[in-house]
Amino acid sequence: MRRAPPFPAASPGRGRSRRRLSGRPIPWAFVLDELARLYQNGDWRIPYLRAHAEDPFQVLVGTILSQRTRDEATDRAAAQLFARYPSVSALADAPLSEIERLIRPVGFYATKARGIRATAQAIRDRYHGEVPRDLDALLTLPMVGRKTANCTLVFGFLEPAIPVDTHVHRIANRLGAVRTGTPEETEAALRATVPRDLWIPLNPLLVQHGQNTCLPRRPRCERCPLVEVCATGIRWKAQGAHGSGKGRGPLPGAR
């Protein structure tokens, strides 16, 4: 029998934005325990990323390459690029035409080639060749938005941050943890409600869940370990999960 989830006490919230963006209280430690058991065969409290953290510069550039691009194409382009230009100084001085050739598998490769070289030059000139370990500083770099900056902090530095991609945004809304229309709003709401010591494992586990179970169009609620704490799962069960499955209705966060 699955243990009962320990629901946290509801927070009264401070300020108008938290009341507007945040949803129902979620037992986040339980959620991460269940997802770690499903996808990692272990405990998320043993930092998953300790053995997987990569060079911060390559994380930064790789995340830029991944924008609007499938993972397979990103991996191929990144491998080709870093085999030739593995460091800040090497990429900053690389010919633009050669960068374009190496990253051609990704979408918008010409724009990204200009952007990642400009990013390398900015890091070389402004930060002495070291990727800044600060969100605001990262956001000043070319082509770096909040998701890219947060990915760099989590995957490059093991710093607490919440990268929000389409999976995290969708699942947070389906859980009922947030009521948001954009990833930026979702990040703000999660930062306000998720305990800081849970930030690092949040993205890797929710992304795996979004890729394998909580799919964009036809989520596999029947096999989801979060069904008892998820607003969408609770509704799915109430509407006859074990019957015909009809009448589910629209799913929140199905983007």
Protein backbone atom coordinates (compact mmCIF):
# COMPACT_ATOMS: atom_id res chain seq x y z
CA MET A 1 0.00 0.00 0.00
CA ARG A 2 1.33 3.41 -0.93
CA ARG A 3 1.97 5.64 2.04
CA ALA A 4 -0.30 8.61 2.47
CA PRO A 5 1.17 11.85 1.14
CA PRO A 6 2.00 14.41 3.87
CA PHE A 7 0.18 17.51 2.73
CA PRO A 8 1.80 20.73 3.92
CA ALA A 9 -0.26 23.36 5.64
CA ALA A 10 -1.60 25.97 3.27
CA SER A 11 0.39 29.17 3.26
CA PRO A 12 -1.60 32.41 3.52
CA GLY A 13 0.58 33.95 0.83
CA ARG A 14 1.97 37.43 0.71
CA GLY A 15 1.12 39.90 -1.97
CA ARG A 16 -1.31 39.88 -4.83
CA SER A 17 0.90 37.93 -7.27
CA ARG A 18 1.25 34.88 -5.02
CA ARG A 19 -2.50 34.64 -4.47
CA ARG A 20 -3.05 34.94 -8.21
CA LEU A 21 -0.37 32.53 -9.43
CA SER A 22 -0.19 29.86 -6.74
CA GLY A 23 -2.69 27.04 -6.47
CA ARG A 24 -3.31 24.30 -3.94
CA PRO A 25 -0.61 23.16 -1.51
CA ILE A 26 1.46 20.26 -2.85
CA PRO A 27 3.54 17.79 -0.75
CA TRP A 28 6.67 18.36 -2.81
CA ALA A 29 8.92 15.98 -0.87
CA PHE A 30 6.40 13.18 -1.50
CA VAL A 31 6.22 14.11 -5.19
CA LEU A 32 10.00 13.96 -5.56
CA ASP A 33 10.21 10.71 -3.59
CA GLU A 34 7.69 9.06 -5.90
CA LEU A 35 9.29 10.34 -9.10
CA ALA A 36 12.80 9.39 -7.96
CA ARG A 37 11.51 5.90 -7.20
CA LEU A 38 9.95 5.72 -10.67
CA TYR A 39 12.78 7.15 -12.75
CA GLN A 40 16.02 7.06 -10.78
CA ASN A 41 15.77 3.92 -8.64
CA GLY A 42 16.87 5.90 -5.64
CA ASP A 43 16.48 8.82 -3.32
CA TRP A 44 16.64 12.34 -4.71
CA ARG A 45 18.22 13.41 -1.41
CA ILE A 46 21.42 11.80 -2.71
CA PRO A 47 22.06 14.55 -5.26
CA TYR A 48 21.43 13.03 -8.68
CA LEU A 49 23.42 15.79 -10.34
CA ARG A 50 26.57 15.26 -8.29
CA ALA A 51 27.74 12.69 -10.82
CA HIS A 52 26.15 14.46 -13.78
CA ALA A 53 27.16 18.11 -13.37
CA GLU A 54 28.98 19.41 -16.42
CA ASP A 55 31.15 22.33 -17.38
CA PRO A 56 29.07 25.49 -16.79
CA PHE A 57 30.04 26.99 -20.15
CA GLN A 58 29.05 23.89 -22.07
CA VAL A 59 25.76 23.71 -20.13
CA LEU A 60 25.07 27.35 -21.03
CA VAL A 61 25.84 26.92 -24.72
CA GLY A 62 24.08 23.57 -24.90
CA THR A 63 20.92 25.07 -23.45
CA ILE A 64 20.98 27.86 -26.02
CA LEU A 65 21.37 25.25 -28.76
CA SER A 66 18.40 23.31 -27.39
CA GLN A 67 15.95 26.17 -27.88
CA ARG A 68 13.19 25.01 -30.28
CA THR A 69 15.21 21.92 -31.14
CA ARG A 70 14.80 18.20 -30.45
CA ASP A 71 17.16 16.63 -27.94
CA GLU A 72 18.79 14.35 -30.50
CA ALA A 73 19.72 17.26 -32.76
CA THR A 74 20.95 19.31 -29.81
CA ASP A 75 23.18 16.48 -28.60
CA ARG A 76 24.68 15.97 -32.05
CA ALA A 77 25.37 19.68 -32.61
CA ALA A 78 26.80 20.19 -29.13
CA ALA A 79 29.13 17.20 -29.48
CA GLN A 80 30.44 18.50 -32.80
CA LEU A 81 30.87 22.03 -31.49
CA PHE A 82 32.65 21.17 -28.24
CA ALA A 83 34.95 18.66 -29.93
CA ARG A 84 36.34 21.59 -31.93
CA TYR A 85 35.79 24.53 -29.55
CA PRO A 86 35.55 23.24 -25.95
CA SER A 87 36.31 26.46 -24.05
CA VAL A 88 35.19 30.09 -23.76
CA SER A 89 38.34 31.44 -25.43
CA ALA A 90 38.23 28.93 -28.28
CA LEU A 91 34.59 29.62 -29.14
CA ALA A 92 35.01 33.40 -28.77
CA ASP A 93 37.65 33.38 -31.51
CA ALA A 94 36.02 30.79 -33.78
CA PRO A 95 35.00 31.73 -37.35
CA LEU A 96 31.26 32.22 -37.57
CA SER A 97 31.00 30.07 -40.68
CA GLU A 98 32.65 27.15 -38.88
CA ILE A 99 30.30 27.46 -35.89
CA GLU A 100 27.33 27.45 -38.27
CA ARG A 101 28.61 24.32 -39.98
CA LEU A 102 29.08 22.47 -36.68
CA ILE A 103 25.67 23.33 -35.22
CA ARG A 104 23.66 22.97 -38.43
CA PRO A 105 21.52 20.12 -36.92
CA VAL A 106 19.75 22.60 -34.61
CA GLY A 107 16.95 24.95 -35.54
CA PHE A 108 17.86 28.60 -36.33
CA TYR A 109 21.50 27.60 -36.45
CA ALA A 110 22.70 30.86 -38.04
CA THR A 111 21.10 32.99 -35.32
CA LYS A 112 22.37 30.67 -32.61
CA ALA A 113 25.88 30.69 -34.05
CA ARG A 114 26.03 34.47 -33.75
CA GLY A 115 24.48 34.32 -30.29
CA ILE A 116 26.76 31.70 -28.76
CA ARG A 117 29.90 33.36 -30.12
CA ALA A 118 28.72 36.70 -28.72
CA THR A 119 28.03 34.98 -25.40
CA ALA A 120 31.56 33.52 -25.35
CA GLN A 121 33.02 36.93 -26.14
CA ALA A 122 30.97 38.58 -23.38
CA ILE A 123 32.12 35.99 -20.82
CA ARG A 124 35.74 36.44 -21.95
CA ASP A 125 35.63 40.23 -21.88
CA ARG A 126 33.33 40.93 -18.93
CA TYR A 127 33.87 37.97 -16.63
CA HIS A 128 37.53 37.04 -17.25
CA GLY A 129 36.55 33.85 -19.07
CA GLU A 130 34.48 32.44 -16.20
CA VAL A 131 30.72 31.86 -16.50
CA PRO A 132 29.05 34.00 -13.82
CA ARG A 133 27.47 32.10 -10.96
CA ASP A 134 24.69 34.63 -10.57
CA LEU A 135 21.23 34.74 -12.14
CA ASP A 136 21.18 38.47 -12.85
CA ALA A 137 24.64 38.37 -14.41
CA LEU A 138 23.71 35.40 -16.58
CA LEU A 139 20.63 37.24 -17.82
CA THR A 140 22.84 40.01 -19.28
CA LEU A 141 24.43 37.56 -21.73
CA PRO A 142 23.20 37.31 -25.35
CA MET A 143 20.38 34.79 -25.95
CA VAL A 144 20.17 33.92 -22.25
CA GLY A 145 16.67 33.96 -20.76
CA ARG A 146 15.50 32.69 -17.41
CA LYS A 147 15.31 29.02 -18.40
CA THR A 148 18.85 29.03 -19.82
CA ALA A 149 20.22 30.92 -16.81
CA ASN A 150 18.51 28.60 -14.34
CA CYS A 151 19.71 25.50 -16.22
CA THR A 152 23.26 26.82 -16.02
CA LEU A 153 22.95 27.31 -12.26
CA VAL A 154 21.45 23.87 -11.62
CA PHE A 155 23.34 21.69 -14.11
CA GLY A 156 26.60 23.65 -14.23
CA PHE A 157 27.02 24.82 -10.63
CA LEU A 158 24.57 22.71 -8.55
CA GLU A 159 23.07 26.00 -7.35
CA PRO A 160 19.39 26.00 -6.26
CA ALA A 161 17.24 27.28 -9.12
CA ILE A 162 14.06 26.23 -10.94
CA PRO A 163 14.42 25.94 -14.72
CA VAL A 164 10.92 25.91 -16.19
CA ASP A 165 10.44 24.33 -19.60
CA THR A 166 7.21 23.11 -21.19
CA HIS A 167 7.19 19.94 -19.06
CA VAL A 168 7.62 21.74 -15.73
CA HIS A 169 5.05 24.36 -16.73
CA ARG A 170 2.50 21.75 -17.83
CA ILE A 171 2.90 19.45 -14.83
CA ALA A 172 2.85 22.24 -12.25
CA ASN A 173 -0.50 23.38 -13.69
CA ARG A 174 -1.91 19.86 -13.88
CA LEU A 175 -0.91 19.18 -10.29
CA GLY A 176 -2.78 22.34 -9.34
CA ALA A 177 0.34 23.79 -7.72
CA VAL A 178 0.11 26.90 -9.89
CA ARG A 179 -2.45 28.73 -12.01
CA THR A 180 -0.24 30.27 -14.65
CA GLY A 181 -0.20 31.01 -18.34
CA THR A 182 3.55 31.31 -18.98
CA PRO A 183 6.73 29.55 -17.84
CA GLU A 184 7.91 32.81 -16.28
CA GLU A 185 4.82 32.96 -14.11
CA THR A 186 5.24 29.30 -13.21
CA GLU A 187 8.82 29.88 -12.08
CA ALA A 188 7.76 32.80 -9.89
CA ALA A 189 4.96 30.78 -8.29
CA LEU A 190 7.17 27.72 -7.70
CA ARG A 191 9.94 29.83 -6.19
CA ALA A 192 7.37 31.25 -3.79
CA THR A 193 5.95 27.89 -2.69
CA VAL A 194 8.52 25.10 -3.17
CA PRO A 195 11.05 24.78 -0.33
CA ARG A 196 14.47 25.94 -1.52
CA ASP A 197 16.18 22.66 -0.62
CA LEU A 198 13.96 20.92 -3.22
CA TRP A 199 14.72 23.23 -6.13
CA ILE A 200 17.66 21.32 -7.66
CA PRO A 201 15.90 17.94 -8.21
CA LEU A 202 12.60 19.53 -9.27
CA ASN A 203 13.42 20.11 -12.93
CA PRO A 204 15.17 16.80 -13.72
CA LEU A 205 12.37 14.75 -12.15
CA LEU A 206 9.45 16.71 -13.63
CA VAL A 207 11.05 16.64 -17.08
CA GLN A 208 11.42 12.85 -16.93
CA HIS A 209 7.81 12.61 -15.79
CA GLY A 210 6.66 14.84 -18.64
CA GLN A 211 8.56 12.79 -21.21
CA ASN A 212 7.35 9.41 -20.01
CA THR A 213 4.03 9.66 -18.14
CA CYS A 214 2.47 13.13 -17.92
CA LEU A 215 2.46 13.52 -21.69
CA PRO A 216 1.20 16.71 -23.35
CA ARG A 217 -1.89 15.24 -25.07
CA ARG A 218 -2.72 11.92 -23.43
CA PRO A 219 -1.27 11.79 -19.93
CA ARG A 220 -1.00 8.28 -18.54
CA CYS A 221 -2.87 8.94 -15.32
CA GLU A 222 -3.51 5.22 -14.82
CA ARG A 223 0.19 4.61 -14.20
CA CYS A 224 1.05 7.87 -12.42
CA PRO A 225 2.21 7.61 -8.77
CA LEU A 226 1.02 11.18 -8.14
CA VAL A 227 -2.62 10.58 -9.01
CA GLU A 228 -3.74 10.96 -5.38
CA VAL A 229 -2.15 14.39 -4.95
CA CYS A 230 -2.67 15.75 -8.46
CA ALA A 231 -5.71 17.93 -9.18
CA THR A 232 -6.01 16.43 -12.68
CA GLY A 233 -5.52 12.88 -11.38
CA ILE A 234 -8.14 13.32 -8.67
CA ARG A 235 -10.61 14.56 -11.27
CA TRP A 236 -9.68 11.71 -13.63
CA LYS A 237 -10.49 9.16 -10.93
CA ALA A 238 -13.76 10.91 -10.05
CA GLN A 239 -14.87 10.83 -13.70
CA GLY A 240 -14.56 7.08 -14.01
CA ALA A 241 -10.88 6.29 -14.39
CA HIS A 242 -11.57 2.58 -14.16
CA GLY A 243 -14.50 2.62 -16.52
CA SER A 244 -14.76 3.77 -20.09
CA GLY A 245 -12.48 6.77 -19.55
CA LYS A 246 -15.02 9.05 -21.25
CA GLY A 247 -15.87 12.46 -20.00
CA ARG A 248 -12.42 13.36 -18.74
CA GLY A 249 -12.84 16.94 -19.86
CA PRO A 250 -10.08 19.40 -20.75
CA LEU A 251 -6.82 18.95 -18.89
CA PRO A 252 -5.27 21.99 -17.21
CA GLY A 253 -1.82 22.87 -18.48
CA ALA A 254 -2.21 20.70 -21.60
CA ARG A 255 0.17 22.73 -23.70
